[in-house]
């Protein structure tokens, strides 16, 4: 009987990482989505929300008073100092939610748990994963998809991509690289091949490793 196997899933914006994540769920994996955790901690009325409004002003809010991610992104992604401030505010709150979800999956007997995070490598969370997957696309394809998807000006799209670690640099941390430069229709078959590779990874997580992982998660996300 196997224990919990932790799979790290990462990729740049518009790489198709979220689509692969959904396919992994369809193939029996459980997922902790760090984008969802980020949206959760940024909800109106939370301490994180209050800190972000105090730091970046009410211009980041939409008509309902919620934080508008696009407006916030246009402020922080061209400016590394502001991006560091954003991460410094949000990561501690995300770490608490993540620790709770990780513990829940361990206690309920999850077999394959995917940590879906665009900053998996940058935050060091790949170190608590048994298997790390990078969804990769050429930068010109990434730019084209981002502009089309978010109706973003090319200047802002380039700044968003430039704010992230390059895929080529991430590859040295990955156990598996999924090339997503093709069509959407190719993803299910590619994901099934990925799932086969994951299931060959015979590993498990002990109670000691669980608590070490939680401690490491707090360290990497907070510092």
Protein backbone atom coordinates (compact mmCIF):
# COMPACT_ATOMS: atom_id res chain seq x y z
CA UNK A 1 0.00 0.00 0.00
CA UNK A 2 1.48 3.32 -1.09
CA UNK A 3 1.33 6.62 0.71
CA UNK A 4 1.01 10.15 -0.52
CA UNK A 5 3.09 11.00 -3.59
CA UNK A 6 3.54 14.73 -4.12
CA UNK A 7 3.85 15.99 -7.71
CA UNK A 8 4.93 19.55 -8.45
CA UNK A 9 3.36 21.12 -11.55
CA UNK A 10 4.64 24.41 -12.89
CA UNK A 11 4.86 26.48 -16.05
CA UNK A 12 4.81 30.08 -17.18
CA UNK A 13 1.71 32.14 -17.80
CA UNK A 14 -0.25 30.89 -20.85
CA UNK A 15 1.84 27.71 -20.99
CA UNK A 16 -1.28 25.55 -20.59
CA UNK A 17 -0.39 24.46 -17.06
CA UNK A 18 -3.96 24.87 -15.81
CA UNK A 19 -5.31 22.73 -18.66
CA UNK A 20 -2.82 19.99 -17.81
CA UNK A 21 -3.81 20.31 -14.15
CA UNK A 22 -7.47 19.70 -15.03
CA UNK A 23 -6.51 16.66 -17.10
CA UNK A 24 -4.51 15.28 -14.17
CA UNK A 25 -7.63 15.60 -12.03
CA UNK A 26 -9.61 13.69 -14.64
CA UNK A 27 -6.97 10.97 -14.40
CA UNK A 28 -7.37 10.52 -10.66
CA UNK A 29 -4.96 13.05 -9.14
CA UNK A 30 -5.94 15.51 -6.43
CA UNK A 31 -4.76 19.10 -6.92
CA UNK A 32 -3.85 22.01 -4.67
CA UNK A 33 -4.14 25.04 -6.96
CA UNK A 34 -2.02 27.91 -5.68
CA UNK A 35 -3.82 30.42 -7.91
CA UNK A 36 -7.04 29.49 -6.10
CA UNK A 37 -5.30 29.84 -2.74
CA UNK A 38 -4.12 33.28 -3.83
CA UNK A 39 -7.65 34.34 -4.79
CA UNK A 40 -8.92 33.00 -1.46
CA UNK A 41 -6.52 35.04 0.66
CA UNK A 42 -7.16 38.17 -1.45
CA UNK A 43 -10.92 38.18 -0.85
CA UNK A 44 -12.48 41.39 0.40
CA UNK A 45 -12.24 41.77 4.16
CA UNK A 46 -9.30 39.45 4.75
CA UNK A 47 -6.11 40.68 6.40
CA UNK A 48 -4.22 40.06 3.17
CA UNK A 49 -6.76 42.17 1.25
CA UNK A 50 -6.37 45.03 3.71
CA UNK A 51 -2.58 44.90 3.48
CA UNK A 52 -2.64 44.91 -0.33
CA UNK A 53 -5.00 47.89 -0.49
CA UNK A 54 -2.86 49.74 2.02
CA UNK A 55 0.29 49.03 -0.02
CA UNK A 56 -0.98 49.54 -3.58
CA UNK A 57 -4.01 51.81 -3.12
CA UNK A 58 -7.68 51.57 -3.99
CA UNK A 59 -6.86 51.73 -7.70
CA UNK A 60 -6.43 47.94 -7.61
CA UNK A 61 -10.11 47.48 -6.72
CA UNK A 62 -13.03 46.82 -9.06
CA UNK A 63 -16.49 48.44 -8.76
CA UNK A 64 -17.49 45.91 -6.08
CA UNK A 65 -14.43 46.64 -3.96
CA UNK A 66 -12.71 43.33 -4.75
CA UNK A 67 -9.08 43.21 -5.85
CA UNK A 68 -8.87 43.11 -9.64
CA UNK A 69 -5.94 40.87 -10.51
CA UNK A 70 -5.36 42.52 -13.89
CA UNK A 71 -5.04 46.01 -12.36
CA UNK A 72 -2.74 44.71 -9.63
CA UNK A 73 -0.65 42.86 -12.20
CA UNK A 74 -0.17 45.99 -14.32
CA UNK A 75 1.29 47.68 -11.25
CA UNK A 76 3.59 44.97 -9.92
CA UNK A 77 4.86 42.95 -12.89
CA UNK A 78 6.88 45.76 -14.54
CA UNK A 79 8.46 46.62 -11.17
CA UNK A 80 10.45 43.91 -9.34
CA UNK A 81 10.42 45.84 -6.06
CA UNK A 82 6.62 46.04 -6.08
CA UNK A 83 6.40 42.39 -7.09
CA UNK A 84 8.55 41.43 -4.09
CA UNK A 85 6.25 43.48 -1.84
CA UNK A 86 3.22 41.68 -3.27
CA UNK A 87 4.78 38.27 -2.66
CA UNK A 88 5.89 39.30 0.81
CA UNK A 89 2.30 40.16 1.73
CA UNK A 90 0.52 37.20 0.15
CA UNK A 91 2.87 34.25 0.66
CA UNK A 92 2.48 33.98 4.43
CA UNK A 93 -1.30 33.76 4.10
CA UNK A 94 -1.05 31.24 1.26
CA UNK A 95 1.36 29.12 3.33
CA UNK A 96 -1.24 28.70 6.09
CA UNK A 97 -3.95 27.54 3.65
CA UNK A 98 -1.50 25.22 1.91
CA UNK A 99 -0.41 23.59 5.17
CA UNK A 100 -4.05 22.89 6.07
CA UNK A 101 -4.78 21.34 2.66
CA UNK A 102 -1.63 19.23 2.69
CA UNK A 103 -2.51 17.85 6.11
CA UNK A 104 -6.08 17.09 4.97
CA UNK A 105 -4.87 15.13 1.93
CA UNK A 106 -2.46 13.14 4.08
CA UNK A 107 -5.10 12.27 6.66
CA UNK A 108 -7.75 11.33 4.09
CA UNK A 109 -5.49 8.95 2.15
CA UNK A 110 -4.87 10.84 -1.08
CA UNK A 111 -2.48 8.85 -3.28
CA UNK A 112 -1.35 11.39 -5.90
CA UNK A 113 -1.32 15.06 -4.91
CA UNK A 114 -0.41 17.74 -7.45
CA UNK A 115 0.91 21.12 -6.28
CA UNK A 116 -0.13 23.40 -9.16
CA UNK A 117 1.95 26.57 -8.82
CA UNK A 118 3.50 29.02 -11.30
CA UNK A 119 6.12 29.80 -8.63
CA UNK A 120 6.89 26.22 -7.61
CA UNK A 121 10.61 26.60 -8.38
CA UNK A 122 10.98 30.23 -7.30
CA UNK A 123 9.49 29.57 -3.85
CA UNK A 124 11.45 26.34 -3.38
CA UNK A 125 8.34 24.18 -3.08
CA UNK A 126 9.76 21.75 -5.65
CA UNK A 127 12.03 20.53 -2.83
CA UNK A 128 9.09 18.89 -1.04
CA UNK A 129 7.89 17.15 -4.23
CA UNK A 130 8.75 13.59 -5.21
CA UNK A 131 8.28 14.39 -8.90
CA UNK A 132 8.37 17.78 -10.65
CA UNK A 133 6.66 18.53 -13.98
CA UNK A 134 7.26 21.57 -16.20
CA UNK A 135 4.71 22.53 -18.85
CA UNK A 136 6.79 24.30 -21.47
CA UNK A 137 6.09 26.38 -24.58
CA UNK A 138 8.33 28.62 -26.72
CA UNK A 139 8.23 32.24 -25.59
CA UNK A 140 6.76 33.51 -28.88
CA UNK A 141 3.85 31.06 -28.54
CA UNK A 142 3.45 32.06 -24.89
CA UNK A 143 3.27 35.76 -25.84
CA UNK A 144 0.76 35.13 -28.62
CA UNK A 145 -1.50 33.07 -26.34
CA UNK A 146 -1.34 35.60 -23.50
CA UNK A 147 -2.31 38.54 -25.72
CA UNK A 148 -5.19 36.56 -27.23
CA UNK A 149 -6.44 35.14 -23.92
CA UNK A 150 -6.35 38.26 -21.76
CA UNK A 151 -6.73 40.88 -24.52
CA UNK A 152 -3.56 42.37 -23.12
CA UNK A 153 -1.36 44.96 -24.75
CA UNK A 154 1.91 43.49 -26.01
CA UNK A 155 3.98 45.69 -23.68
CA UNK A 156 2.11 44.45 -20.59
CA UNK A 157 2.21 40.86 -21.82
CA UNK A 158 5.98 41.00 -22.30
CA UNK A 159 6.41 42.50 -18.82
CA UNK A 160 4.29 39.72 -17.32
CA UNK A 161 6.36 37.02 -19.03
CA UNK A 162 9.65 38.74 -18.17
CA UNK A 163 8.67 38.82 -14.47
CA UNK A 164 8.71 35.01 -14.37
CA UNK A 165 11.61 32.59 -14.39
CA UNK A 166 12.36 31.39 -17.91
CA UNK A 167 11.28 27.88 -18.88
CA UNK A 168 14.84 27.00 -19.92
CA UNK A 169 16.05 27.81 -16.40
CA UNK A 170 13.25 25.75 -14.84
CA UNK A 171 14.05 22.66 -16.90
CA UNK A 172 17.04 21.73 -14.74
CA UNK A 173 14.69 21.32 -11.77
CA UNK A 174 12.13 19.20 -13.62
CA UNK A 175 11.87 15.43 -13.70
CA UNK A 176 9.49 15.65 -16.64
CA UNK A 177 8.96 18.31 -19.33
CA UNK A 178 5.60 18.37 -21.13
CA UNK A 179 5.90 20.22 -24.43
CA UNK A 180 2.63 22.12 -24.93
CA UNK A 181 3.48 24.00 -28.10
CA UNK A 182 0.89 21.97 -30.03
CA UNK A 183 -2.90 22.07 -30.05
CA UNK A 184 -5.39 21.83 -27.19
CA UNK A 185 -6.54 18.47 -28.55
CA UNK A 186 -3.10 16.96 -27.92
CA UNK A 187 -3.14 17.61 -24.16
CA UNK A 188 -5.27 14.61 -23.00
CA UNK A 189 -2.94 12.08 -24.66
CA UNK A 190 0.18 13.87 -23.39
CA UNK A 191 -1.28 13.99 -19.90
CA UNK A 192 -2.03 10.26 -19.91
CA UNK A 193 1.63 9.62 -20.75
CA UNK A 194 2.58 11.91 -17.87
CA UNK A 195 0.27 10.02 -15.48
CA UNK A 196 1.95 6.74 -16.45
CA UNK A 197 5.33 8.29 -15.57
CA UNK A 198 3.97 9.52 -12.23
CA UNK A 199 2.57 6.10 -11.31
CA UNK A 200 5.96 4.50 -11.95
CA UNK A 201 7.40 6.73 -9.26
CA UNK A 202 7.14 4.50 -6.22
CA UNK A 203 7.48 6.73 -3.23
CA UNK A 204 5.56 7.57 -0.13
CA UNK A 205 5.33 10.23 2.50
CA UNK A 206 5.73 9.41 6.16
CA UNK A 207 4.39 11.45 9.08
CA UNK A 208 7.88 12.81 9.56
CA UNK A 209 8.09 13.87 5.92
CA UNK A 210 4.64 15.44 6.12
CA UNK A 211 5.55 17.73 8.99
CA UNK A 212 8.96 18.43 7.46
CA UNK A 213 7.14 19.41 4.25
CA UNK A 214 4.80 21.75 6.09
CA UNK A 215 7.76 23.37 7.86
CA UNK A 216 9.66 23.68 4.59
CA UNK A 217 6.61 25.16 2.86
CA UNK A 218 6.38 27.88 5.48
CA UNK A 219 10.10 28.58 5.19
CA UNK A 220 10.16 28.83 1.39
CA UNK A 221 6.95 30.84 1.14
CA UNK A 222 7.79 33.21 3.96
CA UNK A 223 11.48 33.77 3.35
